Protein backbone atom coordinates (compact mmCIF):
# COMPACT_ATOMS: atom_id res chain seq x y z
CA MET A 1 -0.17 0.22 0.28
CA ASN A 2 1.38 3.57 -1.11
CA HIS A 3 1.71 5.02 2.81
CA HIS A 4 2.61 8.45 1.65
CA ARG A 5 -0.99 8.34 0.21
CA ARG A 6 -2.71 7.02 3.30
CA ALA A 7 -0.62 9.44 5.21
CA SER A 8 -1.51 12.27 3.64
CA ARG A 9 -5.03 11.85 3.51
CA GLY A 10 -4.90 10.43 7.54
CA ALA A 11 -3.09 13.66 8.29
CA ARG A 12 -5.50 15.82 6.79
CA ASN A 13 -8.20 14.29 9.15
CA ILE A 14 -6.54 14.17 12.33
CA THR A 15 -5.22 18.17 12.75
CA ALA A 16 -9.11 19.25 12.50
CA LEU A 17 -10.31 17.81 15.58
CA VAL A 18 -8.09 18.95 18.35
CA GLY A 19 -7.74 22.64 18.18
CA SER A 20 -11.42 23.69 18.59
CA CYS A 21 -11.85 21.21 21.72
CA CYS A 22 -11.94 24.46 24.37
CA LEU A 23 -14.87 25.82 22.65
CA ALA A 24 -16.84 23.25 23.43
CA LEU A 25 -18.89 21.37 26.43
CA THR A 26 -16.44 22.02 29.11
CA ALA A 27 -12.55 23.35 29.43
CA CYS A 28 -10.16 21.17 27.62
CA GLY A 29 -7.46 20.04 30.43
CA SER A 30 -4.63 22.01 28.32
CA GLY A 31 -5.07 23.86 25.40
CA GLY A 32 -3.33 24.94 22.02
CA ASP A 33 -2.44 28.02 20.70
CA SER A 34 -5.78 28.98 19.62
CA ALA A 35 -4.22 32.21 17.97
CA SER A 36 -3.04 29.75 15.30
CA ASP A 37 -6.07 27.25 15.17
CA PRO A 38 -5.90 25.84 11.40
CA ALA A 39 -9.90 26.00 11.76
CA ASP A 40 -9.83 29.36 11.23
CA ASN A 41 -8.86 29.07 7.70
CA LEU A 42 -12.04 26.48 7.10
CA LYS A 43 -15.83 27.65 6.60
CA GLY A 44 -18.90 26.20 7.22
CA GLU A 45 -20.25 24.63 10.17
CA PRO A 46 -17.76 22.43 12.30
CA VAL A 47 -17.78 18.60 12.20
CA LYS A 48 -18.05 17.86 15.90
CA ILE A 49 -16.77 14.65 17.97
CA GLY A 50 -17.12 14.15 21.42
CA PHE A 51 -14.63 12.98 23.40
CA ALA A 52 -15.59 11.80 27.18
CA ILE A 53 -12.34 11.17 29.18
CA SER A 54 -11.16 10.82 32.69
CA GLU A 55 -9.28 14.22 32.74
CA THR A 56 -9.48 13.84 36.80
CA GLY A 57 -10.28 11.06 39.11
CA PRO A 58 -8.01 7.81 40.47
CA LEU A 59 -7.05 6.52 37.19
CA SER A 60 -6.71 9.32 35.20
CA SER A 61 -2.54 9.28 35.26
CA SER A 62 -2.65 6.53 32.91
CA THR A 63 -4.58 8.61 30.25
CA THR A 64 -2.56 12.09 30.25
CA ALA A 65 -1.72 12.06 26.63
CA ALA A 66 -5.29 11.20 25.07
CA THR A 67 -6.80 14.58 25.05
CA ALA A 68 -3.28 15.98 23.60
CA ALA A 69 -3.26 13.26 20.87
CA ALA A 70 -6.87 14.61 19.95
CA ARG A 71 -6.20 17.82 19.69
CA ALA A 72 -3.09 16.99 17.46
CA TRP A 73 -5.45 14.94 15.37
CA GLU A 74 -7.83 17.70 14.93
CA LYS A 75 -5.39 20.38 14.00
CA LYS A 76 -3.70 18.51 11.54
CA VAL A 77 -7.22 17.36 9.62
CA ASN A 78 -7.98 21.30 9.53
CA SER A 79 -4.63 22.11 8.61
CA ASP A 80 -5.16 19.88 5.39
CA GLY A 81 -8.40 21.28 4.68
CA GLY A 82 -10.86 19.78 7.34
CA LEU A 83 -13.96 17.27 6.18
CA GLY A 84 -14.81 18.69 2.62
CA GLY A 85 -13.58 22.04 3.31
CA ARG A 86 -15.55 22.03 6.86
CA PRO A 87 -13.54 22.35 10.01
CA VAL A 88 -13.71 19.57 12.59
CA LYS A 89 -13.91 19.95 16.23
CA ILE A 90 -13.37 17.71 19.15
CA VAL A 91 -15.55 18.36 21.99
CA ILE A 92 -13.60 17.19 25.19
CA ALA A 93 -15.57 16.45 28.50
CA ASP A 94 -14.34 15.28 32.03
CA THR A 95 -16.05 11.92 33.36
CA LYS A 96 -13.72 11.97 36.53
CA ASN A 97 -14.02 8.29 36.83
CA ASN A 98 -17.15 8.83 38.30
CA ALA A 99 -20.42 7.56 37.15
CA SER A 100 -22.75 10.65 37.93
CA ALA A 101 -20.15 12.89 36.10
CA ALA A 102 -19.99 10.40 33.30
CA GLN A 103 -23.53 9.95 32.82
CA SER A 104 -23.94 14.09 32.75
CA VAL A 105 -21.75 14.19 30.16
CA ALA A 106 -23.21 11.66 27.75
CA LYS A 107 -26.08 13.57 28.52
CA SER A 108 -24.81 16.65 26.84
CA LEU A 109 -23.00 14.92 24.14
CA ALA A 110 -26.22 12.85 23.16
CA GLN A 111 -28.36 16.09 23.34
CA ASP A 112 -26.04 18.08 21.06
CA LYS A 113 -27.14 16.89 17.74
CA LYS A 114 -24.26 18.53 16.10
CA VAL A 115 -21.96 15.73 17.82
CA VAL A 116 -21.63 12.92 14.86
CA ALA A 117 -19.89 10.59 17.10
CA THR A 118 -17.93 10.21 20.48
CA LEU A 119 -14.58 8.85 21.81
CA LEU A 120 -14.99 6.99 25.34
CA VAL A 121 -12.17 6.91 27.95
CA ASP A 122 -13.23 5.75 31.53
CA ALA A 123 -12.34 2.57 32.69
CA VAL A 124 -14.37 3.00 35.59
CA ALA A 125 -17.71 4.69 34.57
CA GLU A 126 -17.97 3.29 30.76
CA GLY A 127 -20.33 0.79 31.92
CA SER A 128 -22.40 3.26 33.29
CA VAL A 129 -23.40 5.12 30.33
CA GLY A 130 -23.34 2.08 27.53
CA LYS A 131 -26.94 1.65 27.49
CA TYR A 132 -27.59 5.42 27.32
CA LEU A 133 -25.34 5.94 24.86
CA GLU A 134 -27.16 3.17 22.70
CA SER A 135 -30.66 4.59 23.39
CA ALA A 136 -29.28 8.03 22.04
CA ASP A 137 -27.92 6.40 19.06
CA LEU A 138 -24.85 8.15 19.10
CA PRO A 139 -21.90 6.03 17.94
CA VAL A 140 -18.92 5.69 19.70
CA ILE A 141 -16.05 5.57 17.67
CA GLY A 142 -13.13 4.17 20.36
CA SER A 143 -10.56 4.42 21.70
CA GLY A 144 -9.65 1.87 24.62
CA GLY A 145 -12.72 0.42 25.65
CA TYR A 146 -12.52 -2.58 28.43
CA ASN A 147 -15.87 -3.40 29.77
CA ALA A 148 -16.82 -6.26 27.36
CA ALA A 149 -20.73 -5.83 27.99
CA VAL A 150 -20.76 -2.57 26.49
CA TRP A 151 -17.85 -2.46 24.03
CA ASN A 152 -18.85 -6.25 22.70
CA GLY A 153 -22.19 -6.01 23.48
CA LEU A 154 -23.84 -3.08 22.20
CA PRO A 155 -24.55 -2.37 18.83
CA ASN A 156 -23.13 1.42 18.33
CA PHE A 157 -20.01 0.46 19.79
CA PHE A 158 -16.86 0.24 17.41
CA THR A 159 -13.90 -1.42 19.11
CA GLN A 160 -10.56 -1.44 17.86
CA SER A 161 -8.68 -2.64 20.90
CA PRO A 162 -8.65 -5.69 23.49
CA ASN A 163 -11.80 -5.51 26.35
CA SER A 164 -10.83 -6.15 29.90
CA ALA A 165 -10.88 -10.57 29.90
CA THR A 166 -8.34 -10.08 26.77
CA VAL A 167 -6.15 -7.61 28.32
CA ILE A 168 -5.57 -10.26 31.08
CA LYS A 169 -5.28 -13.17 28.62
CA SER A 170 -2.23 -10.83 26.67
CA LEU A 171 -0.41 -10.22 30.06
CA VAL A 172 -0.79 -14.10 30.52
CA THR A 173 0.35 -14.58 27.04
CA ALA A 174 3.67 -12.42 27.78
CA ALA A 175 4.10 -14.38 30.59
CA GLY A 176 4.38 -17.66 29.00
CA ALA A 177 6.54 -15.78 26.25
CA PHE A 178 8.89 -14.70 29.11
CA GLY A 179 8.89 -18.22 30.40
CA ALA A 180 7.66 -17.07 33.59
CA LYS A 181 7.26 -19.76 36.18
CA GLN A 182 4.31 -18.41 38.84
CA LEU A 183 1.88 -15.28 38.46
CA VAL A 184 0.47 -13.19 41.16
CA SER A 185 -1.29 -9.73 40.13
CA ALA A 186 -1.97 -6.56 41.89
CA VAL A 187 -5.52 -5.13 40.70
CA CYS A 188 -7.05 -1.72 41.57
CA ALA A 189 -9.28 -1.25 44.16
CA GLU A 190 -11.08 1.72 42.70
CA SER A 191 -13.33 -0.44 40.44
CA ALA A 192 -15.58 -3.82 41.34
CA THR A 193 -14.30 -4.61 37.60
CA CYS A 194 -10.57 -4.47 38.53
CA ALA A 195 -11.36 -8.05 40.81
CA ASP A 196 -13.90 -9.38 38.90
CA ASP A 197 -11.45 -9.33 35.53
CA THR A 198 -8.97 -11.50 37.67
CA LYS A 199 -11.34 -14.69 36.88
CA VAL A 200 -9.82 -14.97 33.54
CA TYR A 201 -6.54 -15.26 35.18
CA LYS A 202 -6.55 -18.83 36.40
CA PRO A 203 -7.69 -20.75 33.14
CA ALA A 204 -5.72 -18.64 30.95
CA THR A 205 -2.40 -19.37 33.41
CA ALA A 206 -3.31 -22.86 33.08
CA ALA A 207 -3.76 -22.77 29.37
CA VAL A 208 0.20 -21.66 28.66
CA GLY A 209 1.37 -23.74 31.66
CA VAL A 210 1.96 -20.71 33.98
CA GLY A 211 1.67 -21.15 37.82
CA TYR A 212 -1.11 -18.55 39.48
CA GLY A 213 -0.67 -17.45 42.72
CA GLY A 214 -3.85 -14.93 43.08
CA TYR A 215 -4.15 -11.83 43.39
CA THR A 216 -4.11 -8.50 45.82
CA THR A 217 -6.08 -5.62 45.87
CA VAL A 218 -4.05 -2.06 46.06
CA ALA A 219 -5.57 1.31 46.64
CA SER A 220 -3.92 4.36 45.18
CA ASN A 221 -4.38 6.24 48.43
CA ALA A 222 -2.56 3.70 50.54
CA ALA A 223 0.63 5.01 52.45
CA SER A 224 2.94 2.33 51.01
CA TYR A 225 2.82 -1.09 49.31
CA THR A 226 5.35 -2.95 51.56
CA ALA A 227 3.11 -5.90 52.37
CA GLU A 228 1.98 -6.70 48.74
CA CYS A 229 5.68 -6.81 47.62
CA LEU A 230 6.14 -8.86 50.79
CA ASN A 231 3.64 -11.16 49.39
CA PHE A 232 5.10 -11.75 45.70
CA LYS A 233 8.16 -12.25 47.45
CA ASN A 234 6.69 -15.12 49.68
CA LYS A 235 4.54 -16.87 46.99
CA LYS A 236 7.77 -17.03 44.63
CA ALA A 237 5.91 -14.53 41.93
CA ASP A 238 8.41 -14.09 39.05
CA TYR A 239 5.87 -12.49 37.01
CA VAL A 240 3.70 -9.45 39.02
CA PRO A 241 1.18 -7.57 36.39
CA LEU A 242 -0.42 -4.78 37.73
CA LEU A 243 -3.60 -3.54 36.58
CA VAL A 244 -3.63 -0.19 38.41
CA SER A 245 -3.04 3.38 37.13
CA VAL A 246 0.16 4.64 36.28
CA ASP A 247 1.01 6.52 39.60
CA THR A 248 0.39 3.72 41.63
CA ALA A 249 1.90 1.32 39.30
CA VAL A 250 5.15 3.49 39.96
CA ARG A 251 4.72 3.34 43.90
CA VAL A 252 4.06 -0.52 43.90
CA MET A 253 7.28 -1.13 41.82
CA GLY A 254 9.28 1.47 43.74
CA ASP A 255 8.44 -0.06 47.10
CA CYS A 256 9.42 -3.86 45.65
CA VAL A 257 12.33 -2.90 44.53
CA GLN A 258 13.28 -1.36 47.62
CA GLN A 259 11.92 -4.76 49.25
CA GLY A 260 14.28 -6.69 47.00
CA TYR A 261 11.75 -8.03 44.49
CA LYS A 262 13.77 -9.25 41.77
CA GLY A 263 10.89 -10.93 39.31
CA VAL A 264 9.46 -9.01 36.20
CA PHE A 265 6.67 -6.66 36.34
CA ALA A 266 3.87 -6.26 33.75
CA THR A 267 1.68 -3.65 32.90
CA SER A 268 -0.54 -3.58 30.00
CA SER A 269 -2.97 -0.68 27.64
CA THR A 270 -2.85 2.40 29.06
CA SER A 271 -0.81 1.62 32.27
CA PHE A 272 2.40 1.40 30.57
CA ASN A 273 4.72 4.78 30.55
CA PRO A 274 7.98 3.96 30.49
CA THR A 275 8.67 8.01 31.28
CA LYS A 276 7.44 7.27 34.41
CA TYR A 277 8.53 3.84 34.81
CA SER A 278 12.24 4.97 33.77
CA ALA A 279 12.87 6.22 37.25
CA ILE A 280 12.88 3.09 39.04
CA GLN A 281 16.36 1.90 38.92
CA GLY A 282 16.59 -1.99 38.46
CA MET A 283 12.92 -2.37 37.50
CA HIS A 284 12.14 -5.23 34.73
CA MET A 285 8.57 -5.08 32.78
CA VAL A 286 7.29 -7.58 30.16
CA GLY A 287 3.92 -6.54 29.13
CA THR A 288 1.39 -5.51 26.37
CA LEU A 289 -0.09 -2.80 24.51
CA ASN A 290 -3.10 -2.20 23.23
CA GLY A 291 -2.46 0.64 20.99
CA PHE A 292 0.39 0.82 18.31
CA PRO A 293 4.03 1.25 19.59
CA TRP A 294 4.82 4.88 19.44
CA TRP A 295 8.49 3.96 18.94
CA ALA A 296 7.88 2.19 15.54
CA ASP A 297 9.73 3.24 12.33
CA SER A 298 6.88 2.83 10.29
CA PRO A 299 5.36 5.31 8.04
CA PRO A 300 1.97 5.65 9.88
CA VAL A 301 3.52 5.96 13.16
CA ALA A 302 6.22 8.31 11.92
CA GLU A 303 3.12 10.47 10.94
CA PHE A 304 1.74 10.10 14.38
CA ARG A 305 4.88 11.41 15.79
CA ASP A 306 5.23 14.30 13.80
CA ALA A 307 2.14 15.54 13.91
CA MET A 308 2.39 15.37 18.14
CA LYS A 309 5.73 17.15 17.62
CA LYS A 310 4.27 20.05 15.70
CA TYR A 311 0.89 20.33 17.13
CA GLU A 312 0.92 19.71 20.77
CA PRO A 313 4.87 19.81 21.11
CA LYS A 314 4.75 19.38 25.04
CA THR A 315 2.99 16.24 25.37
CA ASP A 316 4.77 12.87 26.22
CA ILE A 317 3.85 10.97 23.85
CA SER A 318 5.25 7.41 25.28
CA SER A 319 1.67 5.60 26.09
CA SER A 320 -0.98 4.00 24.05
CA SER A 321 -3.51 6.34 25.71
CA ALA A 322 -2.37 8.80 22.72
CA THR A 323 -1.63 5.77 20.13
CA THR A 324 -5.24 4.50 21.03
CA VAL A 325 -7.06 7.71 20.20
CA TRP A 326 -4.98 8.72 17.44
CA ALA A 327 -5.93 5.17 15.66
CA SER A 328 -9.56 5.60 16.51
CA LEU A 329 -9.73 8.82 15.02
CA GLU A 330 -7.51 7.86 11.96
CA LEU A 331 -10.38 5.32 11.69
CA PHE A 332 -13.20 7.77 11.71
CA LEU A 333 -11.49 9.26 8.92
CA LYS A 334 -11.10 6.03 6.78
CA ALA A 335 -14.27 5.60 6.94
CA VAL A 336 -16.33 8.77 6.57
CA GLY A 337 -13.49 10.09 4.10
CA PRO A 338 -11.91 13.20 3.92
CA ASP A 339 -13.70 14.68 0.98
CA THR A 340 -17.12 14.28 2.77
CA ASP A 341 -18.75 17.55 4.05
CA THR A 342 -22.29 16.06 5.02
CA VAL A 343 -21.54 13.96 8.20
CA THR A 344 -24.14 13.13 10.55
CA ARG A 345 -24.80 10.30 13.01
CA ASP A 346 -26.45 8.02 10.48
CA SER A 347 -24.04 8.17 7.88
CA VAL A 348 -21.08 7.60 10.45
CA PHE A 349 -23.06 4.37 11.39
CA LYS A 350 -23.38 3.71 7.76
CA ALA A 351 -19.67 4.48 7.39
CA TYR A 352 -18.32 1.93 9.89
CA ARG A 353 -20.70 -0.58 8.71
CA GLY A 354 -19.01 -0.40 5.63
CA ILE A 355 -15.61 -1.00 7.33
CA LYS A 356 -14.07 -4.86 6.33
CA ASP A 357 -10.80 -5.97 7.46
CA GLU A 358 -9.23 -3.03 7.98
CA THR A 359 -5.76 -2.72 9.93
CA LEU A 360 -5.03 0.99 9.08
CA ASP A 361 -1.74 -0.09 7.96
CA GLY A 362 -0.66 -1.77 11.16
CA LEU A 363 -1.91 0.69 13.55
CA LEU A 364 -4.51 -1.41 14.34
CA PRO A 365 -3.91 -5.05 16.13
CA GLU A 366 -6.16 -6.98 14.21
CA PRO A 367 -8.21 -6.57 11.35
CA VAL A 368 -11.75 -5.05 11.91
CA THR A 369 -15.26 -5.39 10.49
CA TYR A 370 -18.53 -3.94 11.41
CA THR A 371 -21.54 -5.49 11.15
CA ALA A 372 -25.15 -3.29 11.18
CA GLY A 373 -27.33 -4.38 14.51
CA LYS A 374 -24.56 -6.48 15.76
CA PRO A 375 -22.11 -5.93 18.58
CA SER A 376 -18.09 -5.62 17.55
CA ALA A 377 -16.13 -8.66 17.81
CA GLU A 378 -13.70 -9.11 20.21
CA VAL A 379 -10.29 -7.84 19.33
CA ASN A 380 -8.03 -10.70 20.56
CA CYS A 381 -4.50 -9.31 19.31
CA PHE A 382 -1.84 -6.75 21.08
CA TRP A 383 1.85 -5.58 21.01
CA GLN A 384 4.43 -7.26 23.19
CA TYR A 385 7.06 -5.11 24.66
CA ASP A 386 9.85 -5.88 27.06
CA TYR A 387 11.31 -2.75 29.13
CA THR A 388 14.23 -2.37 31.62
CA ALA A 389 14.39 1.20 33.64
CA GLY A 390 17.16 3.25 31.73
CA ASP A 391 16.11 1.90 28.16
CA ASP A 392 15.82 4.20 25.55
CA HIS A 393 12.76 3.17 24.48
CA PRO A 394 10.62 -0.44 24.95
CA LYS A 395 11.55 -3.44 22.64
CA LEU A 396 8.76 -4.74 20.76
CA LEU A 397 8.56 -8.81 21.19
CA PRO A 398 7.51 -10.55 18.19
CA PRO A 399 4.62 -12.59 17.65
CA SER A 400 5.49 -16.49 18.36
CA GLY A 401 3.20 -17.24 15.29
CA LYS A 402 1.48 -15.17 12.79
CA SER A 403 1.31 -11.53 13.05
CA GLY A 404 -2.21 -10.76 14.17
CA ASN A 405 -2.73 -7.70 12.11
CA GLY A 406 -0.58 -8.98 9.00
CA ALA A 407 1.89 -6.12 9.65
CA SER A 408 5.72 -7.16 9.56
CA GLY A 409 8.32 -6.04 11.83
CA ASP A 410 7.80 -3.13 14.47
CA LEU A 411 4.25 -3.22 14.01
CA ALA A 412 3.79 -6.98 14.00
CA SER A 413 1.25 -7.76 16.81
CA ALA A 414 0.69 -11.15 18.76
CA CYS A 415 -2.83 -12.64 19.87
CA ALA A 416 -3.69 -14.54 22.44
CA GLU A 417 -5.36 -18.18 22.42
CA SER A 418 -8.96 -18.01 21.67
């Protein structure tokens, strides 16, 4: 496929969505330079895309790069001519990892009929708004969804990344690839979903021949995690997945290294942030990503990095919270087309239901296909990384079998056994 051609079209849609976001529903977490907003050069009513995200709340440290990625996408799209000459506007609203706040945001977005689709990023509160968004006929176009009953159960949700059960399977797959003998997990105390998700560990570890020593619940506001670290050591765990926020993971790993723990840690999805983890001297991680690796050399990834450097230069892009948002918006662009000036909720639904076996040149972990009236199929693939504190960037671990997304090199994805 001609990467230059695709990059040009993708770029053209990406910038537009971000620049105008601060004019919308609520204040943006951090704004761009409105004086040089590319949307100022376009005419016509903006195409509005909602973005319901936990900018604050106990797990918000895992999603800090997401809004900046959306703003960069918006500005790039608008600088390339918008959608059929119309500017694109991302409407960003804080769901606060709170069901009440998320419901208020969902209602505001749904009632604004000029919002043609929305992104949703809140692992805690997403389950509280799914049915409402379905009843409002609002397309939910990504980005990192975890609640299977929502993302793989409702026909208005278009998923492109693994749900919570597959995230755990992905970590067990990585544990097997690493050669782990005993797995003990730490899970967040802020959401009942975290503990529920651990039910997947026992059958998944048995399938790959890794021992399972259970899990421990950790609170983000705990004074220390010494007891949890001693538990990992006493259970002879050599692989410890952390289903917690980035900030909590920093403290857990730091305490455990101080206690002399010598095993390997793992995080997945948006909880992997090597910039913050690099300060934990002696820490080693082997885990998985739900969004494409931002350090890859492939042209579509270079396009992402270039746009972030140009439009959001202060943002640390070392997180799949940025890449999942970028890929979701790129898929929106692919679906509706950069030259389309008439975009409605109905046309978005029609466009997505025309998507067949799409990988965005490797930006998605596996081909996605959407069917009218049916929920999205589960995404079973992901990327595997190996990272030691102090490395310049993570190393991508190749899949043990066939690439899940058909890509080669540093975008080739791995898949869990069904």
